[in-house]
Amino acid sequence: MLEAIDAECEKRADRPSRPEMIRRILADWLEQKSQSQR
C-alpha cells in the first residue's frame, strides 16, 4: 500500500509528501463514494 502511494508521489509533477498524497487519495475516494450514492 505505502509502496503504491510512494510510486504515485513519484509520478506527480509537484511530488507531494506521503501524508499529502494519502489525504488526496482519501478525498478523491470520499468524493466518488458520495457521488455514487446519489
N, C-alpha and C. Protein backbone atom coordinates (compact mmCIF):
# COMPACT_ATOMS: atom_id res chain seq x y z
N MET A 1 0.83 -1.21 0.00
CA MET A 1 0.00 0.00 0.00
C MET A 1 0.87 1.26 0.00
N LEU A 2 1.80 1.33 0.95
CA LEU A 2 2.67 2.51 1.01
C LEU A 2 3.56 2.61 -0.22
N GLU A 3 3.97 1.45 -0.75
CA GLU A 3 4.79 1.47 -1.96
C GLU A 3 4.00 2.10 -3.11
N ALA A 4 2.73 1.76 -3.20
CA ALA A 4 1.88 2.31 -4.25
C ALA A 4 1.74 3.82 -4.09
N ILE A 5 1.59 4.26 -2.84
CA ILE A 5 1.47 5.70 -2.58
C ILE A 5 2.77 6.41 -2.93
N ASP A 6 3.90 5.82 -2.54
CA ASP A 6 5.20 6.41 -2.87
C ASP A 6 5.37 6.50 -4.39
N ALA A 7 4.96 5.44 -5.10
CA ALA A 7 5.07 5.43 -6.56
C ALA A 7 4.20 6.53 -7.16
N GLU A 8 3.03 6.73 -6.59
CA GLU A 8 2.11 7.76 -7.08
C GLU A 8 2.73 9.15 -6.85
N CYS A 9 3.39 9.33 -5.71
CA CYS A 9 4.07 10.60 -5.41
C CYS A 9 5.13 10.88 -6.48
N GLU A 10 5.88 9.84 -6.84
CA GLU A 10 6.94 9.99 -7.85
C GLU A 10 6.36 10.44 -9.19
N LYS A 11 5.16 9.94 -9.51
CA LYS A 11 4.54 10.26 -10.81
C LYS A 11 4.05 11.70 -10.87
N ARG A 12 3.66 12.26 -9.72
CA ARG A 12 3.10 13.60 -9.69
C ARG A 12 4.18 14.66 -9.96
N ALA A 13 3.80 15.66 -10.72
CA ALA A 13 4.76 16.72 -11.07
C ALA A 13 5.20 17.49 -9.82
N ASP A 14 4.26 17.71 -8.89
CA ASP A 14 4.59 18.51 -7.70
C ASP A 14 5.18 17.68 -6.56
N ARG A 15 5.34 16.35 -6.78
CA ARG A 15 5.97 15.48 -5.78
C ARG A 15 5.41 15.69 -4.36
N PRO A 16 4.13 15.39 -4.14
CA PRO A 16 3.57 15.58 -2.79
C PRO A 16 4.21 14.61 -1.81
N SER A 17 4.18 14.98 -0.53
CA SER A 17 4.69 14.08 0.51
C SER A 17 3.69 12.94 0.68
N ARG A 18 4.10 11.89 1.38
CA ARG A 18 3.20 10.73 1.56
C ARG A 18 1.90 11.13 2.27
N PRO A 19 1.96 11.87 3.39
CA PRO A 19 0.69 12.25 4.06
C PRO A 19 -0.22 13.07 3.14
N GLU A 20 0.37 13.96 2.36
CA GLU A 20 -0.41 14.78 1.42
C GLU A 20 -1.06 13.90 0.37
N MET A 21 -0.32 12.92 -0.14
CA MET A 21 -0.84 12.02 -1.16
C MET A 21 -2.00 11.20 -0.58
N ILE A 22 -1.82 10.71 0.65
CA ILE A 22 -2.88 9.93 1.31
C ILE A 22 -4.13 10.79 1.45
N ARG A 23 -3.95 12.05 1.84
CA ARG A 23 -5.07 12.96 2.01
C ARG A 23 -5.80 13.13 0.68
N ARG A 24 -5.04 13.29 -0.41
CA ARG A 24 -5.66 13.45 -1.73
C ARG A 24 -6.42 12.20 -2.15
N ILE A 25 -5.81 11.05 -1.92
CA ILE A 25 -6.46 9.78 -2.30
C ILE A 25 -7.76 9.61 -1.52
N LEU A 26 -7.72 9.89 -0.22
CA LEU A 26 -8.92 9.78 0.60
C LEU A 26 -9.99 10.76 0.14
N ALA A 27 -9.59 11.97 -0.17
CA ALA A 27 -10.54 12.98 -0.62
C ALA A 27 -11.20 12.54 -1.92
N ASP A 28 -10.39 12.02 -2.86
CA ASP A 28 -10.94 11.53 -4.13
C ASP A 28 -11.92 10.39 -3.89
N TRP A 29 -11.52 9.46 -3.00
CA TRP A 29 -12.33 8.29 -2.71
C TRP A 29 -13.67 8.70 -2.08
N LEU A 30 -13.61 9.63 -1.13
CA LEU A 30 -14.84 10.09 -0.48
C LEU A 30 -15.75 10.79 -1.48
N GLU A 31 -15.15 11.55 -2.38
CA GLU A 31 -15.90 12.24 -3.42
C GLU A 31 -16.64 11.23 -4.30
N GLN A 32 -15.95 10.18 -4.73
CA GLN A 32 -16.56 9.16 -5.57
C GLN A 32 -17.68 8.45 -4.83
N LYS A 33 -17.45 8.16 -3.54
CA LYS A 33 -18.45 7.48 -2.73
C LYS A 33 -19.73 8.32 -2.63
N SER A 34 -19.57 9.61 -2.36
CA SER A 34 -20.74 10.47 -2.20
C SER A 34 -21.48 10.64 -3.53
N GLN A 35 -20.76 10.62 -4.64
CA GLN A 35 -21.41 10.74 -5.95
C GLN A 35 -22.18 9.49 -6.30
N SER A 36 -21.66 8.32 -5.93
CA SER A 36 -22.32 7.07 -6.30
C SER A 36 -23.58 6.82 -5.48
N GLN A 37 -23.73 7.54 -4.37
CA GLN A 37 -24.93 7.35 -3.54
C GLN A 37 -26.12 8.14 -4.07
N ARG A 38 -25.87 9.13 -4.94
CA ARG A 38 -26.97 9.93 -5.46
C ARG A 38 -27.82 9.18 -6.47
